[in-house]
Amino acid sequence: AAFETGARLPDRVDGVFESVGKQTWAHSMRAVRPGGVV
């Protein structure tokens, strides 16, 4: 599945993979589950 940048996801994910940085970081931290990894 693919979503708009910053969109609310159906569920939190186990891991987020980042190469964008400042523009997406807040969303990455919100998207990962407790105990997950970025």
PDB file of all heavy atoms in Angstrom:
ATOM      1  N   ALA A   1       0.863  -1.191   0.000  1.00  0.00           N
ATOM      2  CA  ALA A   1       0.000   0.000   0.000  1.00  0.00           C
ATOM      3  C   ALA A   1       0.892   1.231   0.000  1.00  0.00           C
ATOM      4  O   ALA A   1       2.041   1.182   0.459  1.00  0.00           O
ATOM      5  CB  ALA A   1      -0.922   0.009   1.219  1.00  0.00           C
ATOM      6  N   ALA A   2       0.341   2.334  -0.526  1.00  0.00           N
ATOM      7  CA  ALA A   2       1.089   3.595  -0.562  1.00  0.00           C
ATOM      8  C   ALA A   2       0.164   4.717  -0.116  1.00  0.00           C
ATOM      9  O   ALA A   2      -1.035   4.713  -0.427  1.00  0.00           O
ATOM     10  CB  ALA A   2       1.630   3.862  -1.957  1.00  0.00           C
ATOM     11  N   PHE A   3       0.722   5.683   0.599  1.00  0.00           N
ATOM     12  CA  PHE A   3      -0.044   6.751   1.219  1.00  0.00           C
ATOM     13  C   PHE A   3       0.592   8.103   0.930  1.00  0.00           C
ATOM     14  O   PHE A   3       1.788   8.186   0.615  1.00  0.00           O
ATOM     15  CB  PHE A   3      -0.103   6.541   2.742  1.00  0.00           C
ATOM     16  CG  PHE A   3      -0.599   5.188   3.150  1.00  0.00           C
ATOM     17  CD1 PHE A   3       0.298   4.143   3.351  1.00  0.00           C
ATOM     18  CD2 PHE A   3      -1.945   4.946   3.329  1.00  0.00           C
ATOM     19  CE1 PHE A   3      -0.143   2.886   3.720  1.00  0.00           C
ATOM     20  CE2 PHE A   3      -2.408   3.689   3.698  1.00  0.00           C
ATOM     21  CZ  PHE A   3      -1.494   2.648   3.896  1.00  0.00           C
ATOM     22  N   GLU A   4      -0.200   9.153   1.065  1.00  0.00           N
ATOM     23  CA  GLU A   4       0.342  10.497   0.954  1.00  0.00           C
ATOM     24  C   GLU A   4       1.338  10.740   2.084  1.00  0.00           C
ATOM     25  O   GLU A   4       1.186  10.203   3.184  1.00  0.00           O
ATOM     26  CB  GLU A   4      -0.782  11.536   1.022  1.00  0.00           C
ATOM     27  CG  GLU A   4      -1.703  11.547  -0.181  1.00  0.00           C
ATOM     28  CD  GLU A   4      -2.702  12.683  -0.110  1.00  0.00           C
ATOM     29  OE1 GLU A   4      -2.441  13.655   0.655  1.00  0.00           O
ATOM     30  OE2 GLU A   4      -3.718  12.625  -0.813  1.00  0.00           O
ATOM     31  N   THR A   5       2.339  11.556   1.816  1.00  0.00           N
ATOM     32  CA  THR A   5       3.314  11.905   2.839  1.00  0.00           C
ATOM     33  C   THR A   5       2.614  12.532   4.037  1.00  0.00           C
ATOM     34  O   THR A   5       1.816  13.456   3.892  1.00  0.00           O
ATOM     35  CB  THR A   5       4.351  12.891   2.269  1.00  0.00           C
ATOM     36  OG1 THR A   5       5.019  12.270   1.173  1.00  0.00           O
ATOM     37  CG2 THR A   5       5.376  13.283   3.327  1.00  0.00           C
ATOM     38  N   GLY A   6       2.867  11.998   5.223  1.00  0.00           N
ATOM     39  CA  GLY A   6       2.273  12.522   6.444  1.00  0.00           C
ATOM     40  C   GLY A   6       0.901  11.985   6.766  1.00  0.00           C
ATOM     41  O   GLY A   6       0.323  12.352   7.803  1.00  0.00           O
ATOM     42  N   ALA A   7       0.336  11.116   5.930  1.00  0.00           N
ATOM     43  CA  ALA A   7      -1.028  10.618   6.132  1.00  0.00           C
ATOM     44  C   ALA A   7      -1.108   9.692   7.342  1.00  0.00           C
ATOM     45  O   ALA A   7      -0.145   9.006   7.692  1.00  0.00           O
ATOM     46  CB  ALA A   7      -1.509   9.887   4.884  1.00  0.00           C
ATOM     47  N   ARG A   8      -2.254   9.660   7.966  1.00  0.00           N
ATOM     48  CA  ARG A   8      -2.521   8.706   9.053  1.00  0.00           C
ATOM     49  C   ARG A   8      -2.589   7.304   8.452  1.00  0.00           C
ATOM     50  O   ARG A   8      -3.307   7.064   7.481  1.00  0.00           O
ATOM     51  CB  ARG A   8      -3.822   9.060   9.765  1.00  0.00           C
ATOM     52  CG  ARG A   8      -4.118   8.178  10.978  1.00  0.00           C
ATOM     53  CD  ARG A   8      -5.419   8.586  11.640  1.00  0.00           C
ATOM     54  NE  ARG A   8      -5.687   7.775  12.816  1.00  0.00           N
ATOM     55  CZ  ARG A   8      -5.266   8.046  14.048  1.00  0.00           C
ATOM     56  NH1 ARG A   8      -4.549   9.150  14.249  1.00  0.00           N
ATOM     57  NH2 ARG A   8      -5.540   7.268  15.066  1.00  0.00           N
ATOM     58  N   LEU A   9      -1.888   6.378   9.034  1.00  0.00           N
ATOM     59  CA  LEU A   9      -1.826   5.022   8.505  1.00  0.00           C
ATOM     60  C   LEU A   9      -2.891   4.127   9.146  1.00  0.00           C
ATOM     61  O   LEU A   9      -3.394   4.442  10.236  1.00  0.00           O
ATOM     62  CB  LEU A   9      -0.435   4.429   8.760  1.00  0.00           C
ATOM     63  CG  LEU A   9       0.758   5.227   8.222  1.00  0.00           C
ATOM     64  CD1 LEU A   9       2.065   4.534   8.581  1.00  0.00           C
ATOM     65  CD2 LEU A   9       0.649   5.418   6.721  1.00  0.00           C
ATOM     66  N   PRO A  10      -3.238   3.013   8.522  1.00  0.00           N
ATOM     67  CA  PRO A  10      -4.226   2.106   9.111  1.00  0.00           C
ATOM     68  C   PRO A  10      -3.805   1.558  10.465  1.00  0.00           C
ATOM     69  O   PRO A  10      -4.649   1.221  11.298  1.00  0.00           O
ATOM     70  CB  PRO A  10      -4.323   0.980   8.073  1.00  0.00           C
ATOM     71  CG  PRO A  10      -3.845   1.578   6.794  1.00  0.00           C
ATOM     72  CD  PRO A  10      -2.813   2.580   7.176  1.00  0.00           C
ATOM     73  N   ASP A  11      -2.503   1.450  10.691  1.00  0.00           N
ATOM     74  CA  ASP A  11      -1.991   0.931  11.957  1.00  0.00           C
ATOM     75  C   ASP A  11      -0.552   1.404  12.108  1.00  0.00           C
ATOM     76  O   ASP A  11       0.074   1.849  11.142  1.00  0.00           O
ATOM     77  CB  ASP A  11      -2.041  -0.610  11.956  1.00  0.00           C
ATOM     78  CG  ASP A  11      -2.010  -1.194  13.355  1.00  0.00           C
ATOM     79  OD1 ASP A  11      -1.868  -0.412  14.328  1.00  0.00           O
ATOM     80  OD2 ASP A  11      -2.134  -2.426  13.482  1.00  0.00           O
ATOM     81  N   ARG A  12      -0.014   1.312  13.298  1.00  0.00           N
ATOM     82  CA  ARG A  12       1.393   1.622  13.486  1.00  0.00           C
ATOM     83  C   ARG A  12       2.248   0.471  12.968  1.00  0.00           C
ATOM     84  O   ARG A  12       1.833  -0.687  12.968  1.00  0.00           O
ATOM     85  CB  ARG A  12       1.694   1.907  14.959  1.00  0.00           C
ATOM     86  CG  ARG A  12       1.117   3.230  15.434  1.00  0.00           C
ATOM     87  CD  ARG A  12       1.499   3.519  16.871  1.00  0.00           C
ATOM     88  NE  ARG A  12       0.993   4.809  17.299  1.00  0.00           N
ATOM     89  CZ  ARG A  12       1.131   5.289  18.532  1.00  0.00           C
ATOM     90  NH1 ARG A  12       1.776   4.568  19.450  1.00  0.00           N
ATOM     91  NH2 ARG A  12       0.642   6.475  18.849  1.00  0.00           N
ATOM     92  N   VAL A  13       3.444   0.810  12.547  1.00  0.00           N
ATOM     93  CA  VAL A  13       4.309  -0.168  11.891  1.00  0.00           C
ATOM     94  C   VAL A  13       5.422  -0.612  12.844  1.00  0.00           C
ATOM     95  O   VAL A  13       5.729   0.045  13.836  1.00  0.00           O
ATOM     96  CB  VAL A  13       4.921   0.411  10.603  1.00  0.00           C
ATOM     97  CG1 VAL A  13       3.815   0.787   9.620  1.00  0.00           C
ATOM     98  CG2 VAL A  13       5.809   1.614  10.905  1.00  0.00           C
ATOM     99  N   ASP A  14       6.036  -1.755  12.506  1.00  0.00           N
ATOM    100  CA  ASP A  14       7.141  -2.267  13.314  1.00  0.00           C
ATOM    101  C   ASP A  14       8.424  -1.466  13.089  1.00  0.00           C
ATOM    102  O   ASP A  14       9.251  -1.341  13.995  1.00  0.00           O
ATOM    103  CB  ASP A  14       7.392  -3.735  12.969  1.00  0.00           C
ATOM    104  CG  ASP A  14       6.176  -4.605  13.250  1.00  0.00           C
ATOM    105  OD1 ASP A  14       5.734  -4.643  14.415  1.00  0.00           O
ATOM    106  OD2 ASP A  14       5.664  -5.229  12.296  1.00  0.00           O
ATOM    107  N   GLY A  15       8.592  -0.960  11.870  1.00  0.00           N
ATOM    108  CA  GLY A  15       9.798  -0.212  11.571  1.00  0.00           C
ATOM    109  C   GLY A  15       9.561   0.824  10.495  1.00  0.00           C
ATOM    110  O   GLY A  15       8.765   0.610   9.570  1.00  0.00           O
ATOM    111  N   VAL A  16      10.229   1.963  10.613  1.00  0.00           N
ATOM    112  CA  VAL A  16      10.189   3.013   9.599  1.00  0.00           C
ATOM    113  C   VAL A  16      11.601   3.171   9.034  1.00  0.00           C
ATOM    114  O   VAL A  16      12.587   3.158   9.789  1.00  0.00           O
ATOM    115  CB  VAL A  16       9.715   4.360  10.172  1.00  0.00           C
ATOM    116  CG1 VAL A  16       9.652   5.417   9.068  1.00  0.00           C
ATOM    117  CG2 VAL A  16       8.359   4.209  10.845  1.00  0.00           C
ATOM    118  N   PHE A  17      11.686   3.345   7.718  1.00  0.00           N
ATOM    119  CA  PHE A  17      12.973   3.457   7.044  1.00  0.00           C
ATOM    120  C   PHE A  17      13.073   4.836   6.421  1.00  0.00           C
ATOM    121  O   PHE A  17      12.305   5.184   5.529  1.00  0.00           O
ATOM    122  CB  PHE A  17      13.134   2.319   6.027  1.00  0.00           C
ATOM    123  CG  PHE A  17      13.264   0.992   6.725  1.00  0.00           C
ATOM    124  CD1 PHE A  17      12.146   0.324   7.182  1.00  0.00           C
ATOM    125  CD2 PHE A  17      14.511   0.454   6.980  1.00  0.00           C
ATOM    126  CE1 PHE A  17      12.264  -0.867   7.879  1.00  0.00           C
ATOM    127  CE2 PHE A  17      14.643  -0.741   7.666  1.00  0.00           C
ATOM    128  CZ  PHE A  17      13.516  -1.414   8.123  1.00  0.00           C
ATOM    129  N   GLU A  18      14.022   5.597   6.927  1.00  0.00           N
ATOM    130  CA  GLU A  18      14.124   7.039   6.668  1.00  0.00           C
ATOM    131  C   GLU A  18      15.368   7.386   5.859  1.00  0.00           C
ATOM    132  O   GLU A  18      16.482   6.975   6.191  1.00  0.00           O
ATOM    133  CB  GLU A  18      14.224   7.776   8.007  1.00  0.00           C
ATOM    134  CG  GLU A  18      12.943   8.392   8.512  1.00  0.00           C
ATOM    135  CD  GLU A  18      12.571   9.669   7.785  1.00  0.00           C
ATOM    136  OE1 GLU A  18      13.323  10.096   6.896  1.00  0.00           O
ATOM    137  OE2 GLU A  18      11.520  10.239   8.120  1.00  0.00           O
ATOM    138  N   SER A  19      15.174   8.166   4.800  1.00  0.00           N
ATOM    139  CA  SER A  19      16.289   8.826   4.125  1.00  0.00           C
ATOM    140  C   SER A  19      15.931  10.271   3.801  1.00  0.00           C
ATOM    141  O   SER A  19      16.745  10.988   3.226  1.00  0.00           O
ATOM    142  CB  SER A  19      16.648   8.083   2.840  1.00  0.00           C
ATOM    143  OG  SER A  19      15.549   8.040   1.949  1.00  0.00           O
ATOM    144  N   VAL A  20      14.724  10.701   4.184  1.00  0.00           N
ATOM    145  CA  VAL A  20      14.232  12.041   3.858  1.00  0.00           C
ATOM    146  C   VAL A  20      14.649  13.058   4.914  1.00  0.00           C
ATOM    147  O   VAL A  20      15.105  14.154   4.601  1.00  0.00           O
ATOM    148  CB  VAL A  20      12.702  12.031   3.680  1.00  0.00           C
ATOM    149  CG1 VAL A  20      12.198  13.438   3.344  1.00  0.00           C
ATOM    150  CG2 VAL A  20      12.297  11.039   2.600  1.00  0.00           C
ATOM    151  N   GLY A  21      14.474  12.714   6.203  1.00  0.00           N
ATOM    152  CA  GLY A  21      14.916  13.600   7.266  1.00  0.00           C
ATOM    153  C   GLY A  21      13.853  14.540   7.767  1.00  0.00           C
ATOM    154  O   GLY A  21      12.745  14.135   8.113  1.00  0.00           O
ATOM    155  N   LYS A  22      14.173  15.830   7.812  1.00  0.00           N
ATOM    156  CA  LYS A  22      13.348  16.820   8.499  1.00  0.00           C
ATOM    157  C   LYS A  22      11.897  16.813   8.029  1.00  0.00           C
ATOM    158  O   LYS A  22      10.967  16.951   8.828  1.00  0.00           O
ATOM    159  CB  LYS A  22      13.963  18.208   8.294  1.00  0.00           C
ATOM    160  CG  LYS A  22      13.312  19.302   9.124  1.00  0.00           C
ATOM    161  CD  LYS A  22      14.110  20.596   9.026  1.00  0.00           C
ATOM    162  CE  LYS A  22      13.542  21.666   9.939  1.00  0.00           C
ATOM    163  NZ  LYS A  22      14.365  22.911   9.911  1.00  0.00           N
ATOM    164  N   GLN A  23      11.682  16.642   6.747  1.00  0.00           N
ATOM    165  CA  GLN A  23      10.331  16.729   6.179  1.00  0.00           C
ATOM    166  C   GLN A  23       9.406  15.611   6.657  1.00  0.00           C
ATOM    167  O   GLN A  23       8.197  15.809   6.753  1.00  0.00           O
ATOM    168  CB  GLN A  23      10.439  16.703   4.652  1.00  0.00           C
ATOM    169  CG  GLN A  23       9.187  17.078   3.902  1.00  0.00           C
ATOM    170  CD  GLN A  23       9.460  17.139   2.413  1.00  0.00           C
ATOM    171  OE1 GLN A  23       9.539  16.114   1.738  1.00  0.00           O
ATOM    172  NE2 GLN A  23       9.644  18.341   1.912  1.00  0.00           N
ATOM    173  N   THR A  24       9.952  14.440   6.959  1.00  0.00           N
ATOM    174  CA  THR A  24       9.114  13.286   7.307  1.00  0.00           C
ATOM    175  C   THR A  24       9.352  12.760   8.713  1.00  0.00           C
ATOM    176  O   THR A  24       8.664  11.833   9.140  1.00  0.00           O
ATOM    177  CB  THR A  24       9.359  12.133   6.312  1.00  0.00           C
ATOM    178  OG1 THR A  24      10.758  11.811   6.291  1.00  0.00           O
ATOM    179  CG2 THR A  24       8.897  12.510   4.915  1.00  0.00           C
ATOM    180  N   TRP A  25      10.313  13.313   9.449  1.00  0.00           N
ATOM    181  CA  TRP A  25      10.710  12.716  10.727  1.00  0.00           C
ATOM    182  C   TRP A  25       9.576  12.670  11.752  1.00  0.00           C
ATOM    183  O   TRP A  25       9.385  11.658  12.439  1.00  0.00           O
ATOM    184  CB  TRP A  25      11.909  13.464  11.310  1.00  0.00           C
ATOM    185  CG  TRP A  25      12.495  12.751  12.482  1.00  0.00           C
ATOM    186  CD1 TRP A  25      12.316  13.015  13.804  1.00  0.00           C
ATOM    187  CD2 TRP A  25      13.369  11.609  12.420  1.00  0.00           C
ATOM    188  NE1 TRP A  25      13.009  12.132  14.576  1.00  0.00           N
ATOM    189  CE2 TRP A  25      13.674  11.252  13.755  1.00  0.00           C
ATOM    190  CE3 TRP A  25      13.919  10.864  11.377  1.00  0.00           C
ATOM    191  CZ2 TRP A  25      14.503  10.176  14.064  1.00  0.00           C
ATOM    192  CZ3 TRP A  25      14.754   9.800  11.696  1.00  0.00           C
ATOM    193  CH2 TRP A  25      15.031   9.467  13.019  1.00  0.00           C
ATOM    194  N   ALA A  26       8.817  13.741  11.877  1.00  0.00           N
ATOM    195  CA  ALA A  26       7.718  13.753  12.847  1.00  0.00           C
ATOM    196  C   ALA A  26       6.719  12.647  12.527  1.00  0.00           C
ATOM    197  O   ALA A  26       6.216  11.958  13.429  1.00  0.00           O
ATOM    198  CB  ALA A  26       7.032  15.119  12.862  1.00  0.00           C
ATOM    199  N   HIS A  27       6.428  12.470  11.243  1.00  0.00           N
ATOM    200  CA  HIS A  27       5.501  11.407  10.835  1.00  0.00           C
ATOM    201  C   HIS A  27       6.091  10.031  11.141  1.00  0.00           C
ATOM    202  O   HIS A  27       5.383   9.120  11.585  1.00  0.00           O
ATOM    203  CB  HIS A  27       5.196  11.527   9.345  1.00  0.00           C
ATOM    204  CG  HIS A  27       4.221  10.518   8.847  1.00  0.00           C
ATOM    205  ND1 HIS A  27       4.574   9.518   7.962  1.00  0.00           N
ATOM    206  CD2 HIS A  27       2.895  10.332   9.099  1.00  0.00           C
ATOM    207  CE1 HIS A  27       3.527   8.776   7.689  1.00  0.00           C
ATOM    208  NE2 HIS A  27       2.496   9.250   8.368  1.00  0.00           N
ATOM    209  N   SER A  28       7.392   9.873  10.916  1.00  0.00           N
ATOM    210  CA  SER A  28       8.033   8.590  11.207  1.00  0.00           C
ATOM    211  C   SER A  28       7.901   8.235  12.681  1.00  0.00           C
ATOM    212  O   SER A  28       7.609   7.082  13.039  1.00  0.00           O
ATOM    213  CB  SER A  28       9.511   8.635  10.812  1.00  0.00           C
ATOM    214  OG  SER A  28       9.662   8.774   9.408  1.00  0.00           O
ATOM    215  N   MET A  29       8.102   9.213  13.556  1.00  0.00           N
ATOM    216  CA  MET A  29       8.016   8.953  14.992  1.00  0.00           C
ATOM    217  C   MET A  29       6.576   8.645  15.416  1.00  0.00           C
ATOM    218  O   MET A  29       6.348   7.844  16.336  1.00  0.00           O
ATOM    219  CB  MET A  29       8.553  10.158  15.776  1.00  0.00           C
ATOM    220  CG  MET A  29      10.051  10.408  15.569  1.00  0.00           C
ATOM    221  SD  MET A  29      11.087   9.070  16.211  1.00  0.00           S
ATOM    222  CE  MET A  29      10.943   9.359  17.984  1.00  0.00           C
ATOM    223  N   ARG A  30       5.608   9.232  14.742  1.00  0.00           N
ATOM    224  CA  ARG A  30       4.203   8.936  15.061  1.00  0.00           C
ATOM    225  C   ARG A  30       3.769   7.588  14.487  1.00  0.00           C
ATOM    226  O   ARG A  30       2.873   6.941  15.028  1.00  0.00           O
ATOM    227  CB  ARG A  30       3.288  10.023  14.506  1.00  0.00           C
ATOM    228  CG  ARG A  30       3.429  11.390  15.153  1.00  0.00           C
ATOM    229  CD  ARG A  30       2.252  12.293  14.796  1.00  0.00           C
ATOM    230  NE  ARG A  30       2.042  12.402  13.360  1.00  0.00           N
ATOM    231  CZ  ARG A  30       2.589  13.320  12.573  1.00  0.00           C
ATOM    232  NH1 ARG A  30       3.433  14.213  13.121  1.00  0.00           N
ATOM    233  NH2 ARG A  30       2.343  13.361  11.291  1.00  0.00           N
ATOM    234  N   ALA A  31       4.403   7.182  13.390  1.00  0.00           N
ATOM    235  CA  ALA A  31       3.941   5.989  12.672  1.00  0.00           C
ATOM    236  C   ALA A  31       4.436   4.685  13.282  1.00  0.00           C
ATOM    237  O   ALA A  31       3.844   3.625  13.061  1.00  0.00           O
ATOM    238  CB  ALA A  31       4.395   6.069  11.206  1.00  0.00           C
ATOM    239  N   VAL A  32       5.526   4.727  14.050  1.00  0.00           N
ATOM    240  CA  VAL A  32       6.112   3.493  14.566  1.00  0.00           C
ATOM    241  C   VAL A  32       5.421   3.074  15.874  1.00  0.00           C
ATOM    242  O   VAL A  32       5.032   3.912  16.690  1.00  0.00           O
ATOM    243  CB  VAL A  32       7.633   3.663  14.757  1.00  0.00           C
ATOM    244  CG1 VAL A  32       7.953   4.638  15.884  1.00  0.00           C
ATOM    245  CG2 VAL A  32       8.312   2.326  14.973  1.00  0.00           C
ATOM    246  N   ARG A  33       5.270   1.782  16.059  1.00  0.00           N
ATOM    247  CA  ARG A  33       4.605   1.252  17.262  1.00  0.00           C
ATOM    248  C   ARG A  33       5.514   1.385  18.488  1.00  0.00           C
ATOM    249  O   ARG A  33       6.728   1.548  18.364  1.00  0.00           O
ATOM    250  CB  ARG A  33       4.260  -0.218  17.053  1.00  0.00           C
ATOM    251  CG  ARG A  33       5.474  -1.124  16.886  1.00  0.00           C
ATOM    252  CD  ARG A  33       5.111  -2.584  17.037  1.00  0.00           C
ATOM    253  NE  ARG A  33       6.226  -3.459  16.698  1.00  0.00           N
ATOM    254  CZ  ARG A  33       7.253  -3.738  17.501  1.00  0.00           C
ATOM    255  NH1 ARG A  33       7.335  -3.176  18.708  1.00  0.00           N
ATOM    256  NH2 ARG A  33       8.225  -4.569  17.114  1.00  0.00           N
ATOM    257  N   PRO A  34       4.929   1.304  19.688  1.00  0.00           N
ATOM    258  CA  PRO A  34       5.765   1.252  20.886  1.00  0.00           C
ATOM    259  C   PRO A  34       6.754   0.088  20.803  1.00  0.00           C
ATOM    260  O   PRO A  34       6.384  -1.032  20.438  1.00  0.00           O
ATOM    261  CB  PRO A  34       4.751   1.033  22.012  1.00  0.00           C
ATOM    262  CG  PRO A  34       3.478   1.624  21.490  1.00  0.00           C
ATOM    263  CD  PRO A  34       3.479   1.332  20.019  1.00  0.00           C
ATOM    264  N   GLY A  35       8.001   0.370  21.098  1.00  0.00           N
ATOM    265  CA  GLY A  35       9.023  -0.651  21.013  1.00  0.00           C
ATOM    266  C   GLY A  35       9.552  -0.892  19.617  1.00  0.00           C
ATOM    267  O   GLY A  35      10.394  -1.775  19.411  1.00  0.00           O
ATOM    268  N   GLY A  36       9.076  -0.113  18.644  1.00  0.00           N
ATOM    269  CA  GLY A  36       9.503  -0.281  17.257  1.00  0.00           C
ATOM    270  C   GLY A  36      10.810   0.425  16.978  1.00  0.00           C
ATOM    271  O   GLY A  36      11.474   0.959  17.872  1.00  0.00           O
ATOM    272  N   VAL A  37      11.179   0.456  15.693  1.00  0.00           N
ATOM    273  CA  VAL A  37      12.482   0.970  15.312  1.00  0.00           C
ATOM    274  C   VAL A  37      12.356   1.925  14.133  1.00  0.00           C
ATOM    275  O   VAL A  37      11.530   1.712  13.239  1.00  0.00           O
ATOM    276  CB  VAL A  37      13.441  -0.188  14.965  1.00  0.00           C
ATOM    277  CG1 VAL A  37      12.928  -1.008  13.782  1.00  0.00           C
ATOM    278  CG2 VAL A  37      14.846   0.297  14.684  1.00  0.00           C
ATOM    279  N   VAL A  38      13.162   2.984  14.152  1.00  0.00           N
ATOM    280  CA  VAL A  38      13.313   3.884  13.011  1.00  0.00           C
ATOM    281  C   VAL A  38      14.773   3.776  12.562  1.00  0.00           C
ATOM    282  O   VAL A  38      15.683   4.027  13.351  1.00  0.00           O
ATOM    283  CB  VAL A  38      12.981   5.340  13.376  1.00  0.00           C
ATOM    284  CG1 VAL A  38      13.176   6.245  12.161  1.00  0.00           C
ATOM    285  CG2 VAL A  38      11.552   5.460  13.896  1.00  0.00           C
TER     286      VAL A  38
END
